[in-house]
Amino acid sequence: MKTKGAILWGVGEDWSIEEIELGDPREGEVQVQLAASGLCHSDEHLVTGGTPVAFYPVIGGHEGSGVVTKVGPGVTGLQEGDHVVTAFIPACGQCPPCSKGMQNLCDLGASLLAGTAISDGSYRVQAKGQDVIPMCLLGTFSPYITVHQASVVKIEPDIPLEIAALVGCGVTTGWGSATKVADVRPGENVVVMGAGGVGMNAVQGAAAAGAKRVMVIEPVARKREWAMDLGATHVFESAEEATEKVNELTWGRMADKTIITVGDIQGEDIQTALSLTGKGGRAVVTGMGNAANTDVKLSLFELTLLQKDLQGAIFGGLAPRAAIPELLSLYQEGQLKLDELATTKYKLEDINQGYQDMRDGKNIRGMVVYTDADR
């Protein structure tokens, strides 16, 4: 079928709205008519070149929700009309990581940046006669996607689809970074570095886990206000300000857990996080940086003698098939704020403005919302 999509033709370029050719579902695949897509910072790393891909062009987007419109052969557990959320990590449920309870590390993720379809190694999207890599095997910057069943999770039909898209990446990643990877316990002091689409949900997760203090470092004043609305107890403009205040608030013991959720992580952020973390505490690295950046600032003396943990995290350490329905259930019960996260909604044609607003700190999460005009 012919539809449209936001295509990136090279590093440093704007997203370009192009006519695309989308293939029908093959073995194990479904086609989904999307309702919405989040504008995640991870797609910005494609623009800057921080995330390497096999080639350009790339169709962006990995945080989507919609309705299944076609079902390919061999699909189980899904049918036309089902409501689904995309998971940027496919989960087969059978590989060694999945079998060990680590769906977020599923072996099917090996082709995320190569863009080849899980079912047969080919491509489902073409533009101007060229194969196109879909971001995270999804490409939700288009009103329609054809994806493997391992990349979508069925949800209840009464959940608003525009909001459900958020749990495909940012919400789950932030929430799990606090509740699972950091393992925040009641009464602990937690620092969250960066209050964007992921960091705000680390704040929500830490608060829900019973943290005594949830202290946020964020240079943008409006985001500091939003963080307070979502569960932060203290906010600071800089790490320097935070270090002094955290030391004072904790009587010198510092944070039990520190979570790095900045949009473009730098090597010096690691030592900053460890310095904010107390003896026997844990610093969680959730934010993404440039793949070529291997320089990290780290006091090995402090790491060893104060027995601190430094832990990476992807998708918040959670299993997509379990976490996505669970978080949407919490939303339905009023225990997780999602409506407040989608601060601005855009047409697909305005996607470059959406990303400029993200760079300017104007949104928690910008959302592309598809209408009948996009069908």
Protein backbone atom coordinates (compact mmCIF):
# COMPACT_ATOMS: atom_id res chain seq x y z
CA MET A 1 0.00 0.00 0.00
CA LYS A 2 1.04 3.61 -0.52
CA THR A 3 1.08 5.88 2.50
CA LYS A 4 3.39 8.54 3.92
CA GLY A 5 6.18 8.64 6.44
CA ALA A 6 8.84 10.87 8.00
CA ILE A 7 12.12 9.85 6.36
CA LEU A 8 15.67 10.77 7.34
CA TRP A 9 17.99 10.72 4.34
CA GLY A 10 21.22 11.40 6.20
CA VAL A 11 22.95 12.66 9.34
CA GLY A 12 22.18 16.27 10.17
CA GLU A 13 19.15 16.53 7.89
CA ASP A 14 15.54 17.34 8.73
CA TRP A 15 12.82 14.72 8.67
CA SER A 16 11.21 14.68 5.22
CA ILE A 17 7.59 13.67 4.64
CA GLU A 18 7.62 11.26 1.72
CA GLU A 19 5.28 8.87 -0.03
CA ILE A 20 6.29 5.34 0.96
CA GLU A 21 5.39 1.87 -0.23
CA LEU A 22 4.49 -0.40 2.68
CA GLY A 23 4.51 -4.14 2.16
CA ASP A 24 1.78 -6.51 3.29
CA PRO A 25 2.36 -8.79 6.30
CA ARG A 26 4.39 -11.92 5.66
CA GLU A 27 4.96 -14.90 7.94
CA GLY A 28 4.44 -13.90 11.57
CA GLU A 29 3.66 -10.26 10.76
CA VAL A 30 0.76 -7.85 11.22
CA GLN A 31 -0.15 -4.50 9.75
CA VAL A 32 -1.27 -1.80 12.17
CA GLN A 33 -3.11 1.45 11.59
CA LEU A 34 -1.54 3.80 14.11
CA ALA A 35 -3.33 6.35 16.25
CA ALA A 36 -0.25 8.09 17.59
CA SER A 37 3.53 8.08 17.90
CA GLY A 38 5.72 9.61 20.57
CA LEU A 39 8.62 11.89 19.64
CA CYS A 40 11.38 10.19 21.62
CA HIS A 41 14.91 11.53 22.00
CA SER A 42 16.27 8.21 20.70
CA ASP A 43 15.14 9.18 17.18
CA GLU A 44 17.09 12.42 17.58
CA HIS A 45 20.23 10.29 17.87
CA LEU A 46 19.58 9.19 14.28
CA VAL A 47 19.65 12.84 13.23
CA THR A 48 22.91 13.58 15.06
CA GLY A 49 24.54 10.32 14.00
CA GLY A 50 24.92 9.23 17.61
CA THR A 51 23.12 5.98 16.87
CA PRO A 52 24.67 4.11 13.92
CA VAL A 53 22.47 2.41 11.35
CA ALA A 54 23.37 0.14 8.45
CA PHE A 55 22.44 2.83 5.89
CA TYR A 56 20.09 5.71 5.18
CA PRO A 57 17.22 6.39 4.50
CA VAL A 58 15.55 5.62 7.82
CA ILE A 59 11.89 5.98 8.76
CA GLY A 60 11.76 7.12 12.37
CA GLY A 61 9.51 6.37 15.30
CA HIS A 62 9.30 3.50 17.78
CA GLU A 63 6.67 4.57 20.31
CA GLY A 64 3.27 3.83 18.78
CA SER A 65 -0.20 2.44 19.29
CA GLY A 66 -2.99 1.45 16.98
CA VAL A 67 -5.34 -1.19 15.61
CA VAL A 68 -4.39 -4.35 13.74
CA THR A 69 -5.77 -4.18 10.19
CA LYS A 70 -4.12 -7.20 8.53
CA VAL A 71 -2.74 -10.47 9.87
CA GLY A 72 -0.13 -12.53 8.06
CA PRO A 73 0.24 -16.33 8.05
CA GLY A 74 1.48 -17.98 11.22
CA VAL A 75 0.42 -15.18 13.56
CA THR A 76 -0.89 -16.35 16.94
CA GLY A 77 -2.72 -14.38 19.61
CA LEU A 78 -3.56 -11.42 17.37
CA GLN A 79 -6.43 -10.72 15.01
CA GLU A 80 -7.83 -7.83 13.01
CA GLY A 81 -9.35 -5.19 15.27
CA ASP A 82 -7.02 -5.83 18.21
CA HIS A 83 -5.56 -2.78 19.91
CA VAL A 84 -1.79 -2.91 20.31
CA VAL A 85 1.21 -0.96 21.54
CA THR A 86 4.56 -1.24 19.79
CA ALA A 87 7.52 -2.45 21.84
CA PHE A 88 10.86 -1.10 20.63
CA ILE A 89 12.47 -4.32 21.85
CA PRO A 90 10.86 -7.37 20.19
CA ALA A 91 10.18 -10.24 22.58
CA CYS A 92 10.07 -13.76 21.19
CA GLY A 93 9.69 -15.46 24.59
CA GLN A 94 11.93 -18.36 23.56
CA CYS A 95 15.56 -17.22 23.24
CA PRO A 96 17.97 -17.60 26.22
CA PRO A 97 17.44 -14.01 27.56
CA CYS A 98 13.63 -14.30 27.25
CA SER A 99 13.74 -17.71 28.92
CA LYS A 100 15.64 -16.15 31.83
CA GLY A 101 13.00 -13.45 32.28
CA MET A 102 14.90 -10.76 30.35
CA GLN A 103 12.58 -10.02 27.42
CA ASN A 104 14.16 -6.56 27.19
CA LEU A 105 17.34 -8.30 25.97
CA CYS A 106 15.62 -10.61 23.46
CA ASP A 107 17.96 -11.95 20.78
CA LEU A 108 15.62 -10.62 18.09
CA GLY A 109 16.94 -7.17 18.99
CA ALA A 110 20.12 -7.99 17.06
CA SER A 111 18.61 -6.52 13.88
CA LEU A 112 17.16 -3.35 15.46
CA LEU A 113 19.60 -1.02 13.71
CA ALA A 114 20.01 -3.11 10.56
CA GLY A 115 16.29 -2.81 9.86
CA THR A 116 15.86 -6.23 8.29
CA ALA A 117 12.51 -7.88 8.97
CA ILE A 118 12.55 -10.62 11.58
CA SER A 119 10.58 -13.00 9.39
CA ASP A 120 12.77 -13.11 6.30
CA GLY A 121 15.57 -10.53 6.44
CA SER A 122 14.05 -8.25 3.81
CA TYR A 123 12.56 -4.73 4.07
CA ARG A 124 8.89 -3.74 4.32
CA VAL A 125 9.29 -0.03 3.49
CA GLN A 126 10.51 1.60 0.29
CA ALA A 127 10.80 5.28 -0.64
CA LYS A 128 11.87 6.62 -4.02
CA GLY A 129 12.69 3.08 -5.05
CA GLN A 130 15.05 2.47 -2.12
CA ASP A 131 14.80 0.16 0.86
CA VAL A 132 14.19 2.06 4.10
CA ILE A 133 15.29 1.04 7.59
CA PRO A 134 12.43 1.33 10.12
CA MET A 135 13.61 2.62 13.49
CA CYS A 136 13.72 -0.33 15.92
CA LEU A 137 11.97 -2.49 13.26
CA LEU A 138 8.88 -0.28 13.71
CA GLY A 139 8.93 3.11 11.94
CA THR A 140 5.95 4.66 13.71
CA PHE A 141 6.42 8.02 11.95
CA SER A 142 3.85 6.74 9.47
CA PRO A 143 0.11 6.12 9.90
CA TYR A 144 0.63 2.45 8.98
CA ILE A 145 3.31 -0.09 9.89
CA THR A 146 3.95 -3.72 8.98
CA VAL A 147 5.81 -5.41 11.82
CA HIS A 148 6.52 -8.78 13.38
CA GLN A 149 4.13 -10.04 16.06
CA ALA A 150 7.08 -10.04 18.50
CA SER A 151 7.14 -6.23 18.26
CA VAL A 152 3.56 -5.52 19.36
CA VAL A 153 1.69 -6.10 22.62
CA LYS A 154 -2.07 -6.48 22.77
CA ILE A 155 -3.88 -4.11 25.15
CA GLU A 156 -7.42 -3.60 26.39
CA PRO A 157 -9.65 -1.82 23.83
CA ASP A 158 -11.00 0.77 26.29
CA ILE A 159 -7.61 2.43 26.81
CA PRO A 160 -7.20 5.68 24.79
CA LEU A 161 -4.80 4.82 21.98
CA GLU A 162 -3.25 8.29 21.85
CA ILE A 163 -2.08 7.82 25.44
CA ALA A 164 -1.25 4.11 25.19
CA ALA A 165 1.60 4.88 22.77
CA LEU A 166 3.61 6.38 25.62
CA VAL A 167 4.22 3.02 27.29
CA GLY A 168 5.96 1.69 24.19
CA CYS A 169 9.20 3.31 25.33
CA GLY A 170 9.54 6.37 27.57
CA VAL A 171 7.13 5.51 30.37
CA THR A 172 8.23 1.90 30.72
CA THR A 173 11.92 2.75 30.45
CA GLY A 174 11.75 5.41 33.15
CA TRP A 175 9.40 3.52 35.47
CA GLY A 176 11.44 0.32 35.30
CA SER A 177 14.73 2.18 35.74
CA ALA A 178 13.46 3.19 39.17
CA THR A 179 11.36 0.21 40.24
CA LYS A 180 13.34 -2.66 38.69
CA VAL A 181 16.92 -1.71 37.83
CA ALA A 182 17.50 0.78 40.67
CA ASP A 183 15.20 -1.31 42.87
CA VAL A 184 14.06 1.72 44.84
CA ARG A 185 12.83 0.74 48.30
CA PRO A 186 10.53 2.57 50.74
CA GLY A 187 12.32 5.31 52.62
CA GLU A 188 15.22 5.66 50.18
CA ASN A 189 16.63 8.88 48.79
CA VAL A 190 16.65 8.98 44.99
CA VAL A 191 18.22 11.41 42.52
CA VAL A 192 16.99 11.58 38.90
CA MET A 193 19.29 13.40 36.48
CA GLY A 194 17.20 14.77 33.61
CA ALA A 195 13.43 15.27 33.51
CA GLY A 196 12.36 14.47 29.97
CA GLY A 197 10.08 11.77 28.64
CA VAL A 198 12.04 9.05 30.44
CA GLY A 199 13.16 10.94 33.54
CA MET A 200 9.64 12.05 34.45
CA ASN A 201 8.64 8.41 34.65
CA ALA A 202 11.67 7.51 36.74
CA VAL A 203 10.28 10.16 39.08
CA GLN A 204 6.84 8.53 39.02
CA GLY A 205 8.34 5.09 39.56
CA ALA A 206 10.54 6.17 42.46
CA ALA A 207 7.63 7.92 44.15
CA ALA A 208 5.37 4.89 43.66
CA ALA A 209 8.07 2.64 45.15
CA GLY A 210 7.96 4.67 48.36
CA ALA A 211 11.07 6.83 48.10
CA LYS A 212 11.43 9.27 50.97
CA ARG A 213 12.84 11.93 48.67
CA VAL A 214 12.82 12.10 44.87
CA MET A 215 15.32 14.79 43.92
CA VAL A 216 15.50 15.94 40.31
CA ILE A 217 18.29 17.72 38.46
CA GLU A 218 16.95 19.58 35.42
CA PRO A 219 18.15 22.87 33.87
CA VAL A 220 14.76 23.79 32.31
CA ALA A 221 12.54 25.61 34.81
CA ARG A 222 9.22 24.43 33.33
CA LYS A 223 10.36 20.81 33.51
CA ARG A 224 11.28 21.25 37.16
CA GLU A 225 7.71 22.40 37.78
CA TRP A 226 6.31 19.40 35.91
CA ALA A 227 8.58 17.08 37.91
CA MET A 228 7.09 18.37 41.15
CA ASP A 229 3.62 17.63 39.79
CA LEU A 230 4.68 14.05 39.00
CA GLY A 231 6.18 13.14 42.36
CA ALA A 232 9.48 14.96 42.87
CA THR A 233 10.06 16.32 46.36
CA HIS A 234 13.03 18.56 45.49
CA VAL A 235 14.31 20.03 42.22
CA PHE A 236 17.68 21.53 41.34
CA GLU A 237 18.93 23.43 38.31
CA SER A 238 22.41 21.92 38.28
CA ALA A 239 24.45 19.02 39.64
CA GLU A 240 26.54 21.46 41.64
CA GLU A 241 23.45 22.81 43.42
CA ALA A 242 22.12 19.29 43.91
CA THR A 243 25.34 17.94 45.44
CA GLU A 244 25.30 20.51 48.21
CA LYS A 245 21.59 20.14 48.93
CA VAL A 246 21.53 16.32 48.77
CA ASN A 247 24.44 16.24 51.19
CA GLU A 248 22.53 18.54 53.54
CA LEU A 249 19.19 16.72 53.27
CA THR A 250 20.69 13.28 53.88
CA TRP A 251 23.11 14.30 56.63
CA GLY A 252 26.05 13.49 54.40
CA ARG A 253 24.92 10.02 53.34
CA MET A 254 23.87 11.12 49.81
CA ALA A 255 21.42 9.24 47.60
CA ASP A 256 20.69 5.54 47.86
CA LYS A 257 19.95 5.45 44.13
CA THR A 258 20.81 7.82 41.28
CA ILE A 259 19.25 7.42 37.82
CA ILE A 260 20.76 9.11 34.76
CA THR A 261 18.02 9.93 32.27
CA VAL A 262 19.56 12.83 30.34
CA GLY A 263 18.74 12.85 26.63
CA ASP A 264 22.35 12.78 25.42
CA ILE A 265 24.57 11.26 28.09
CA GLN A 266 28.21 12.37 28.34
CA GLY A 267 31.19 10.67 29.94
CA GLU A 268 31.34 13.13 32.82
CA ASP A 269 27.73 12.34 33.79
CA ILE A 270 28.87 8.99 35.18
CA GLN A 271 31.15 10.45 37.83
CA THR A 272 28.56 13.10 38.66
CA ALA A 273 26.02 10.37 39.34
CA LEU A 274 28.44 8.32 41.44
CA SER A 275 29.37 11.36 43.50
CA LEU A 276 25.69 11.92 44.26
CA THR A 277 25.35 8.28 45.30
CA GLY A 278 26.18 7.17 48.83
CA LYS A 279 28.11 4.17 50.15
CA GLY A 280 26.73 0.89 48.84
CA GLY A 281 24.34 2.77 46.55
CA ARG A 282 23.57 2.28 42.89
CA ALA A 283 23.84 4.58 39.87
CA VAL A 284 21.70 3.50 36.90
CA VAL A 285 22.65 4.52 33.36
CA THR A 286 19.46 4.84 31.30
CA GLY A 287 20.21 7.79 29.03
CA MET A 288 21.67 7.20 25.58
CA GLY A 289 24.82 8.76 24.21
CA ASN A 290 26.87 8.68 21.04
CA ALA A 291 27.84 5.12 20.16
CA ALA A 292 31.39 6.27 19.38
CA ASN A 293 31.88 7.88 22.78
CA THR A 294 33.94 5.52 24.95
CA ASP A 295 35.42 8.08 27.33
CA VAL A 296 33.96 7.97 30.83
CA LYS A 297 34.89 9.99 33.91
CA LEU A 298 35.00 7.56 36.81
CA SER A 299 36.80 7.46 40.15
CA LEU A 300 37.84 3.83 40.51
CA PHE A 301 38.98 4.63 44.05
CA GLU A 302 35.46 5.76 44.96
CA LEU A 303 33.81 2.90 43.09
CA THR A 304 35.81 0.28 44.98
CA LEU A 305 36.21 1.71 48.47
CA LEU A 306 32.60 2.85 48.78
CA GLN A 307 31.27 -0.32 47.10
CA LYS A 308 29.00 1.47 44.65
CA ASP A 309 27.10 -0.16 41.77
CA LEU A 310 27.10 1.21 38.23
CA GLN A 311 24.32 -0.47 36.25
CA GLY A 312 23.12 -0.07 32.67
CA ALA A 313 19.43 -0.30 31.79
CA ILE A 314 17.38 -0.82 28.63
CA PHE A 315 13.57 -0.68 28.62
CA GLY A 316 13.82 -0.28 32.38
CA GLY A 317 14.82 -3.92 32.76
CA LEU A 318 11.17 -4.87 32.20
CA ALA A 319 9.48 -7.46 30.01
CA PRO A 320 7.39 -5.68 27.34
CA ARG A 321 4.60 -8.28 27.30
CA ALA A 322 4.11 -8.00 31.05
CA ALA A 323 5.00 -4.37 31.76
CA ILE A 324 2.95 -2.64 29.05
CA PRO A 325 -0.43 -4.04 30.18
CA GLU A 326 0.52 -3.61 33.86
CA LEU A 327 1.39 0.07 33.46
CA LEU A 328 -1.77 0.76 31.48
CA SER A 329 -3.74 -0.92 34.26
CA LEU A 330 -2.11 1.42 36.79
CA TYR A 331 -3.11 4.33 34.54
CA GLN A 332 -6.71 3.14 34.51
CA GLU A 333 -6.69 2.96 38.31
CA GLY A 334 -5.30 6.49 38.62
CA GLN A 335 -1.94 5.32 39.98
CA LEU A 336 0.14 6.39 36.95
CA LYS A 337 -0.11 9.75 35.21
CA LEU A 338 0.01 9.52 31.42
CA ASP A 339 -2.29 12.28 30.12
CA GLU A 340 -0.03 14.88 31.71
CA LEU A 341 3.01 13.60 29.80
CA ALA A 342 1.72 14.34 26.28
CA THR A 343 2.24 18.10 26.53
CA THR A 344 1.91 18.95 22.81
CA LYS A 345 0.33 17.09 19.90
CA TYR A 346 1.49 17.52 16.30
CA LYS A 347 0.60 16.54 12.77
CA LEU A 348 3.19 14.33 11.08
CA GLU A 349 3.98 17.25 8.75
CA ASP A 350 5.04 19.28 11.81
CA ILE A 351 7.49 16.69 13.12
CA ASN A 352 10.54 18.94 12.73
CA GLN A 353 8.84 21.58 14.88
CA GLY A 354 8.10 18.86 17.43
CA TYR A 355 11.76 17.97 17.66
CA GLN A 356 12.79 21.61 17.88
CA ASP A 357 10.38 21.99 20.78
CA MET A 358 12.01 18.95 22.40
CA ARG A 359 15.45 20.53 22.02
CA ASP A 360 14.10 23.75 23.52
CA GLY A 361 12.70 21.88 26.54
CA LYS A 362 9.08 22.80 25.81
CA ASN A 363 7.62 19.31 26.17
CA ILE A 364 7.71 16.28 28.41
CA ARG A 365 6.70 14.24 25.37
CA GLY A 366 5.55 15.57 22.03
CA MET A 367 3.09 13.30 20.23
CA VAL A 368 2.25 12.86 16.56
CA VAL A 369 -1.47 12.12 16.36
CA TYR A 370 -2.86 10.63 13.17
CA THR A 371 -6.29 11.60 11.83
CA ASP A 372 -8.54 10.50 8.96
CA ALA A 373 -6.61 12.90 6.75
CA ASP A 374 -3.55 10.64 7.16
CA ARG A 375 -5.33 7.43 6.08
